[in-house]
N, C-alpha and C. Protein backbone atom coordinates (compact mmCIF):
# COMPACT_ATOMS: atom_id res chain seq x y z
N UNK A 1 -60.59 -41.47 -163.26
CA UNK A 1 -59.40 -42.18 -163.63
C UNK A 1 -58.16 -41.48 -163.08
N UNK A 2 -58.16 -40.15 -163.15
CA UNK A 2 -57.02 -39.39 -162.62
C UNK A 2 -56.87 -39.60 -161.11
N UNK A 3 -57.99 -39.64 -160.43
CA UNK A 3 -57.96 -39.86 -158.98
C UNK A 3 -57.39 -41.23 -158.64
N UNK A 4 -57.76 -42.24 -159.39
CA UNK A 4 -57.24 -43.58 -159.18
C UNK A 4 -55.73 -43.62 -159.41
N UNK A 5 -55.26 -42.95 -160.45
CA UNK A 5 -53.83 -42.89 -160.73
C UNK A 5 -53.08 -42.21 -159.57
N UNK A 6 -53.65 -41.12 -159.06
CA UNK A 6 -53.04 -40.43 -157.93
C UNK A 6 -52.99 -41.32 -156.69
N UNK A 7 -54.07 -42.06 -156.46
CA UNK A 7 -54.13 -42.95 -155.30
C UNK A 7 -53.08 -44.05 -155.39
N UNK A 8 -52.84 -44.55 -156.58
CA UNK A 8 -51.82 -45.58 -156.78
C UNK A 8 -50.43 -44.97 -156.64
N UNK A 9 -50.25 -43.79 -157.17
CA UNK A 9 -48.93 -43.14 -157.13
C UNK A 9 -48.58 -42.60 -155.74
N UNK A 10 -49.56 -42.11 -154.99
CA UNK A 10 -49.32 -41.51 -153.67
C UNK A 10 -50.30 -42.09 -152.64
N UNK A 11 -50.16 -43.37 -152.31
CA UNK A 11 -51.13 -44.01 -151.41
C UNK A 11 -51.15 -43.40 -150.01
N UNK A 12 -50.02 -42.86 -149.54
CA UNK A 12 -49.97 -42.31 -148.19
C UNK A 12 -50.83 -41.05 -148.06
N UNK A 13 -51.19 -40.42 -149.18
CA UNK A 13 -52.00 -39.21 -149.14
C UNK A 13 -53.49 -39.50 -149.00
N UNK A 14 -53.87 -40.76 -149.15
CA UNK A 14 -55.28 -41.12 -149.07
C UNK A 14 -55.53 -41.95 -147.81
N UNK A 15 -56.39 -41.46 -146.92
CA UNK A 15 -56.65 -42.21 -145.68
C UNK A 15 -57.32 -43.54 -145.99
N UNK A 16 -56.95 -44.52 -145.20
CA UNK A 16 -57.57 -45.84 -145.35
C UNK A 16 -58.92 -45.83 -144.66
N UNK A 17 -59.88 -46.44 -145.28
CA UNK A 17 -61.23 -46.44 -144.72
C UNK A 17 -61.44 -47.55 -143.70
N UNK A 18 -60.72 -48.65 -143.85
CA UNK A 18 -60.88 -49.76 -142.92
C UNK A 18 -59.52 -50.19 -142.39
N UNK A 19 -59.45 -50.37 -141.07
CA UNK A 19 -58.22 -50.88 -140.48
C UNK A 19 -58.06 -52.34 -140.85
N UNK A 20 -56.83 -52.75 -140.92
CA UNK A 20 -56.53 -54.15 -141.18
C UNK A 20 -57.07 -55.00 -140.05
N UNK A 21 -57.64 -56.12 -140.37
CA UNK A 21 -58.20 -57.01 -139.35
C UNK A 21 -57.10 -57.71 -138.58
N UNK A 22 -55.93 -57.84 -139.18
CA UNK A 22 -54.84 -58.54 -138.51
C UNK A 22 -54.16 -57.62 -137.51
N UNK A 23 -53.95 -58.12 -136.30
CA UNK A 23 -53.22 -57.39 -135.27
C UNK A 23 -52.07 -58.26 -134.79
N UNK A 24 -50.92 -57.65 -134.63
CA UNK A 24 -49.78 -58.38 -134.09
C UNK A 24 -50.04 -58.67 -132.63
N UNK A 25 -49.50 -59.77 -132.15
CA UNK A 25 -49.70 -60.17 -130.76
C UNK A 25 -48.53 -59.79 -129.88
N UNK A 26 -47.85 -58.72 -130.22
CA UNK A 26 -46.75 -58.24 -129.38
C UNK A 26 -47.01 -56.80 -128.98
N UNK A 27 -46.57 -56.46 -127.80
CA UNK A 27 -46.85 -55.14 -127.24
C UNK A 27 -45.60 -54.60 -126.55
N UNK A 28 -45.56 -53.30 -126.37
CA UNK A 28 -44.51 -52.70 -125.56
C UNK A 28 -45.13 -52.23 -124.25
N UNK A 29 -44.31 -52.13 -123.23
CA UNK A 29 -44.75 -51.56 -121.97
C UNK A 29 -44.44 -50.06 -122.06
N UNK A 30 -45.46 -49.22 -122.07
CA UNK A 30 -45.25 -47.79 -122.33
C UNK A 30 -44.18 -47.10 -121.50
N UNK A 31 -44.05 -47.44 -120.23
CA UNK A 31 -43.09 -46.74 -119.38
C UNK A 31 -41.93 -47.64 -118.96
N UNK A 32 -41.63 -48.66 -119.75
CA UNK A 32 -40.52 -49.56 -119.44
C UNK A 32 -39.21 -48.77 -119.45
N UNK A 33 -38.30 -49.14 -118.56
CA UNK A 33 -37.03 -48.41 -118.46
C UNK A 33 -36.17 -48.59 -119.71
N UNK A 34 -36.18 -49.78 -120.31
CA UNK A 34 -35.33 -50.03 -121.46
C UNK A 34 -35.93 -49.60 -122.78
N UNK A 35 -37.17 -50.01 -123.01
CA UNK A 35 -37.80 -49.72 -124.30
C UNK A 35 -39.26 -49.30 -124.15
N UNK A 36 -39.49 -48.22 -123.48
CA UNK A 36 -40.84 -47.67 -123.41
C UNK A 36 -41.13 -46.90 -124.69
N UNK A 37 -42.17 -46.11 -124.66
CA UNK A 37 -42.55 -45.35 -125.86
C UNK A 37 -41.44 -44.39 -126.28
N UNK A 38 -40.79 -43.73 -125.32
CA UNK A 38 -39.71 -42.82 -125.69
C UNK A 38 -38.52 -43.61 -126.23
N UNK A 39 -38.30 -44.81 -125.70
CA UNK A 39 -37.23 -45.67 -126.21
C UNK A 39 -37.49 -46.08 -127.64
N UNK A 40 -38.73 -46.45 -127.93
CA UNK A 40 -39.09 -46.80 -129.31
C UNK A 40 -38.98 -45.56 -130.19
N UNK A 41 -39.36 -44.40 -129.66
CA UNK A 41 -39.23 -43.15 -130.42
C UNK A 41 -37.76 -42.90 -130.76
N UNK A 42 -36.86 -43.19 -129.82
CA UNK A 42 -35.42 -43.04 -130.08
C UNK A 42 -35.00 -43.89 -131.27
N UNK A 43 -35.50 -45.12 -131.31
CA UNK A 43 -35.18 -46.01 -132.44
C UNK A 43 -35.76 -45.48 -133.74
N UNK A 44 -37.02 -45.06 -133.70
CA UNK A 44 -37.69 -44.54 -134.90
C UNK A 44 -36.96 -43.31 -135.43
N UNK A 45 -36.65 -42.38 -134.54
CA UNK A 45 -35.95 -41.15 -134.95
C UNK A 45 -34.58 -41.49 -135.53
N UNK A 46 -33.87 -42.42 -134.90
CA UNK A 46 -32.54 -42.81 -135.40
C UNK A 46 -32.64 -43.44 -136.78
N UNK A 47 -33.62 -44.32 -136.96
CA UNK A 47 -33.82 -44.95 -138.28
C UNK A 47 -34.19 -43.89 -139.31
N UNK A 48 -35.06 -42.97 -138.93
CA UNK A 48 -35.46 -41.90 -139.84
C UNK A 48 -34.24 -41.07 -140.27
N UNK A 49 -33.42 -40.68 -139.30
CA UNK A 49 -32.26 -39.85 -139.61
C UNK A 49 -31.22 -40.57 -140.47
N UNK A 50 -31.18 -41.91 -140.35
CA UNK A 50 -30.23 -42.68 -141.16
C UNK A 50 -30.60 -42.68 -142.64
N UNK A 51 -31.88 -42.50 -142.92
CA UNK A 51 -32.42 -42.54 -144.30
C UNK A 51 -32.16 -43.88 -144.99
N UNK A 52 -31.98 -44.93 -144.21
CA UNK A 52 -31.70 -46.27 -144.75
C UNK A 52 -32.96 -47.08 -145.05
N UNK A 53 -34.09 -46.70 -144.48
CA UNK A 53 -35.35 -47.39 -144.75
C UNK A 53 -36.08 -46.58 -145.81
N UNK A 54 -36.50 -47.27 -146.86
CA UNK A 54 -37.11 -46.59 -148.01
C UNK A 54 -38.59 -46.90 -148.12
N UNK A 55 -39.32 -46.00 -148.78
CA UNK A 55 -40.72 -46.27 -149.08
C UNK A 55 -40.80 -47.03 -150.41
N UNK A 56 -41.98 -47.30 -150.86
CA UNK A 56 -42.12 -48.11 -152.09
C UNK A 56 -41.60 -47.42 -153.34
N UNK A 57 -41.39 -46.10 -153.26
CA UNK A 57 -40.85 -45.36 -154.40
C UNK A 57 -39.33 -45.21 -154.34
N UNK A 58 -38.71 -45.79 -153.29
CA UNK A 58 -37.27 -45.71 -153.15
C UNK A 58 -36.78 -44.47 -152.42
N UNK A 59 -37.71 -43.67 -151.92
CA UNK A 59 -37.34 -42.48 -151.17
C UNK A 59 -37.21 -42.83 -149.69
N UNK A 60 -36.39 -42.09 -148.96
CA UNK A 60 -36.30 -42.36 -147.52
C UNK A 60 -37.69 -42.24 -146.87
N UNK A 61 -38.00 -43.19 -146.00
CA UNK A 61 -39.30 -43.16 -145.32
C UNK A 61 -39.39 -41.93 -144.43
N UNK A 62 -40.57 -41.37 -144.33
CA UNK A 62 -40.78 -40.21 -143.47
C UNK A 62 -40.87 -40.65 -142.02
N UNK A 63 -40.71 -39.70 -141.13
CA UNK A 63 -40.82 -39.99 -139.70
C UNK A 63 -42.22 -40.53 -139.38
N UNK A 64 -43.22 -39.97 -140.00
CA UNK A 64 -44.60 -40.42 -139.78
C UNK A 64 -44.78 -41.86 -140.26
N UNK A 65 -44.26 -42.19 -141.43
CA UNK A 65 -44.38 -43.56 -141.95
C UNK A 65 -43.73 -44.56 -141.00
N UNK A 66 -42.54 -44.25 -140.53
CA UNK A 66 -41.84 -45.14 -139.61
C UNK A 66 -42.60 -45.26 -138.29
N UNK A 67 -43.09 -44.13 -137.77
CA UNK A 67 -43.84 -44.15 -136.51
C UNK A 67 -45.09 -45.02 -136.65
N UNK A 68 -45.81 -44.85 -137.74
CA UNK A 68 -47.04 -45.65 -137.97
C UNK A 68 -46.71 -47.14 -138.05
N UNK A 69 -45.60 -47.49 -138.69
CA UNK A 69 -45.21 -48.90 -138.80
C UNK A 69 -44.93 -49.49 -137.42
N UNK A 70 -44.20 -48.76 -136.58
CA UNK A 70 -43.90 -49.25 -135.22
C UNK A 70 -45.18 -49.33 -134.39
N UNK A 71 -46.05 -48.34 -134.52
CA UNK A 71 -47.33 -48.36 -133.79
C UNK A 71 -48.15 -49.59 -134.18
N UNK A 72 -48.18 -49.88 -135.45
CA UNK A 72 -48.95 -51.02 -135.95
C UNK A 72 -48.37 -52.34 -135.43
N UNK A 73 -47.07 -52.49 -135.52
CA UNK A 73 -46.43 -53.74 -135.12
C UNK A 73 -46.54 -53.97 -133.61
N UNK A 74 -46.34 -52.91 -132.82
CA UNK A 74 -46.28 -53.07 -131.37
C UNK A 74 -47.56 -52.65 -130.63
N UNK A 75 -48.63 -52.37 -131.38
CA UNK A 75 -49.94 -52.08 -130.79
C UNK A 75 -49.91 -50.96 -129.74
N UNK A 76 -49.44 -49.81 -130.11
CA UNK A 76 -49.45 -48.66 -129.23
C UNK A 76 -49.56 -47.41 -130.08
N UNK A 77 -49.60 -46.26 -129.43
CA UNK A 77 -49.66 -45.00 -130.15
C UNK A 77 -48.64 -44.02 -129.57
N UNK A 78 -47.90 -43.37 -130.43
CA UNK A 78 -46.98 -42.33 -130.00
C UNK A 78 -47.75 -41.08 -129.59
N UNK A 79 -48.97 -40.93 -130.07
CA UNK A 79 -49.65 -39.65 -129.94
C UNK A 79 -49.11 -38.80 -131.07
N UNK A 80 -48.26 -37.86 -130.75
CA UNK A 80 -47.61 -37.03 -131.75
C UNK A 80 -46.13 -37.40 -131.79
N UNK A 81 -45.69 -38.01 -132.87
CA UNK A 81 -44.29 -38.47 -132.97
C UNK A 81 -43.32 -37.30 -132.88
N UNK A 82 -43.74 -36.12 -133.33
CA UNK A 82 -42.84 -34.96 -133.26
C UNK A 82 -42.61 -34.53 -131.81
N UNK A 83 -43.62 -34.69 -130.94
CA UNK A 83 -43.42 -34.41 -129.51
C UNK A 83 -42.44 -35.42 -128.91
N UNK A 84 -42.55 -36.68 -129.32
CA UNK A 84 -41.64 -37.71 -128.81
C UNK A 84 -40.22 -37.46 -129.33
N UNK A 85 -40.11 -37.02 -130.58
CA UNK A 85 -38.80 -36.68 -131.14
C UNK A 85 -38.17 -35.55 -130.32
N UNK A 86 -38.96 -34.56 -129.95
CA UNK A 86 -38.45 -33.45 -129.14
C UNK A 86 -37.99 -33.96 -127.77
N UNK A 87 -38.73 -34.92 -127.19
CA UNK A 87 -38.32 -35.49 -125.90
C UNK A 87 -36.98 -36.21 -126.02
N UNK A 88 -36.78 -36.91 -127.12
CA UNK A 88 -35.50 -37.58 -127.34
C UNK A 88 -34.39 -36.54 -127.45
N UNK A 89 -34.61 -35.50 -128.25
CA UNK A 89 -33.60 -34.46 -128.44
C UNK A 89 -33.32 -33.68 -127.16
N UNK A 90 -34.30 -33.59 -126.27
CA UNK A 90 -34.13 -32.82 -125.03
C UNK A 90 -33.45 -33.62 -123.92
N UNK A 91 -33.12 -34.87 -124.18
CA UNK A 91 -32.40 -35.66 -123.18
C UNK A 91 -31.02 -35.07 -122.94
N UNK A 92 -30.50 -35.36 -121.76
CA UNK A 92 -29.12 -34.97 -121.47
C UNK A 92 -28.20 -35.74 -122.42
N UNK A 93 -27.04 -35.17 -122.76
CA UNK A 93 -26.13 -35.85 -123.70
C UNK A 93 -25.78 -37.28 -123.30
N UNK A 94 -25.66 -37.53 -122.00
CA UNK A 94 -25.31 -38.89 -121.56
C UNK A 94 -26.47 -39.87 -121.72
N UNK A 95 -27.70 -39.36 -121.89
CA UNK A 95 -28.87 -40.22 -122.06
C UNK A 95 -29.47 -40.17 -123.47
N UNK A 96 -28.79 -39.51 -124.38
CA UNK A 96 -29.34 -39.33 -125.72
C UNK A 96 -29.66 -40.67 -126.39
N UNK A 97 -28.80 -41.65 -126.21
CA UNK A 97 -29.00 -42.96 -126.82
C UNK A 97 -29.26 -44.03 -125.75
N UNK A 98 -30.05 -43.67 -124.77
CA UNK A 98 -30.33 -44.55 -123.63
C UNK A 98 -30.85 -45.92 -124.07
N UNK A 99 -31.80 -45.96 -124.98
CA UNK A 99 -32.38 -47.24 -125.42
C UNK A 99 -31.41 -48.03 -126.30
N UNK A 100 -30.69 -47.33 -127.15
CA UNK A 100 -29.69 -48.03 -127.96
C UNK A 100 -28.60 -48.63 -127.07
N UNK A 101 -28.21 -47.90 -126.02
CA UNK A 101 -27.23 -48.43 -125.07
C UNK A 101 -27.80 -49.64 -124.34
N UNK A 102 -29.08 -49.59 -123.98
CA UNK A 102 -29.74 -50.72 -123.33
C UNK A 102 -29.69 -51.95 -124.23
N UNK A 103 -30.04 -51.77 -125.50
CA UNK A 103 -30.03 -52.90 -126.44
C UNK A 103 -28.62 -53.43 -126.67
N UNK A 104 -27.65 -52.54 -126.72
CA UNK A 104 -26.26 -52.96 -126.86
C UNK A 104 -25.85 -53.82 -125.67
N UNK A 105 -26.24 -53.40 -124.48
CA UNK A 105 -25.94 -54.18 -123.29
C UNK A 105 -26.59 -55.55 -123.30
N UNK A 106 -27.82 -55.63 -123.79
CA UNK A 106 -28.52 -56.91 -123.89
C UNK A 106 -27.75 -57.85 -124.82
N UNK A 107 -27.31 -57.33 -125.96
CA UNK A 107 -26.54 -58.15 -126.91
C UNK A 107 -25.21 -58.59 -126.32
N UNK A 108 -24.53 -57.68 -125.64
CA UNK A 108 -23.24 -58.03 -125.05
C UNK A 108 -23.39 -59.11 -123.98
N UNK A 109 -24.44 -59.01 -123.13
CA UNK A 109 -24.68 -60.04 -122.11
C UNK A 109 -25.02 -61.38 -122.74
N UNK A 110 -25.82 -61.36 -123.80
CA UNK A 110 -26.18 -62.61 -124.49
C UNK A 110 -24.95 -63.26 -125.10
N UNK A 111 -24.09 -62.46 -125.69
CA UNK A 111 -22.87 -62.99 -126.29
C UNK A 111 -21.97 -63.60 -125.23
N UNK A 112 -21.84 -62.91 -124.11
CA UNK A 112 -21.02 -63.40 -123.01
C UNK A 112 -21.58 -64.72 -122.45
N UNK A 113 -22.88 -64.78 -122.28
CA UNK A 113 -23.54 -66.00 -121.78
C UNK A 113 -23.33 -67.15 -122.75
N UNK A 114 -23.48 -66.88 -124.03
CA UNK A 114 -23.28 -67.93 -125.05
C UNK A 114 -21.84 -68.45 -125.00
N UNK A 115 -20.90 -67.52 -124.89
CA UNK A 115 -19.49 -67.91 -124.84
C UNK A 115 -19.20 -68.77 -123.60
N UNK A 116 -19.79 -68.40 -122.45
CA UNK A 116 -19.60 -69.18 -121.22
C UNK A 116 -20.17 -70.59 -121.37
N UNK A 117 -21.35 -70.70 -121.98
CA UNK A 117 -21.96 -72.02 -122.21
C UNK A 117 -21.09 -72.90 -123.12
N UNK A 118 -20.56 -72.27 -124.16
CA UNK A 118 -19.71 -73.01 -125.10
C UNK A 118 -18.44 -73.51 -124.39
N UNK A 119 -17.87 -72.68 -123.53
CA UNK A 119 -16.67 -73.07 -122.78
C UNK A 119 -16.97 -74.18 -121.79
N UNK A 120 -18.14 -74.20 -121.19
CA UNK A 120 -18.53 -75.24 -120.24
C UNK A 120 -18.71 -76.58 -120.95
N UNK A 121 -19.15 -76.54 -122.21
CA UNK A 121 -19.40 -77.78 -122.97
C UNK A 121 -18.12 -78.41 -123.48
N UNK A 122 -17.04 -77.65 -123.51
CA UNK A 122 -15.77 -78.18 -124.05
C UNK A 122 -15.08 -79.08 -123.09
């Protein structure tokens, strides 16, 4: 009974015996210039440092929890997330937020395109 209570209270401490049968149908390109594995690691590390994503107990999610969630959703493996975190930190200052800058640019271009379409329709 005590073991069951511990498993309910701390589920992350108990390995799952069976993988979920459901797999997402989306993937990342590991060495993509905009959002490869290191780019996704940049996002995961940034989210982790923000402490804005919580676990079921209301505590900030750990780096491992966030990494596992991204791996599951995008069907890839970081290998060791701490190695990827070190790669992000070892970037030159101008490239520290390379992927976030890429995403910002994508949003800005989409907004500009939308605005141009709206002006053409008027």
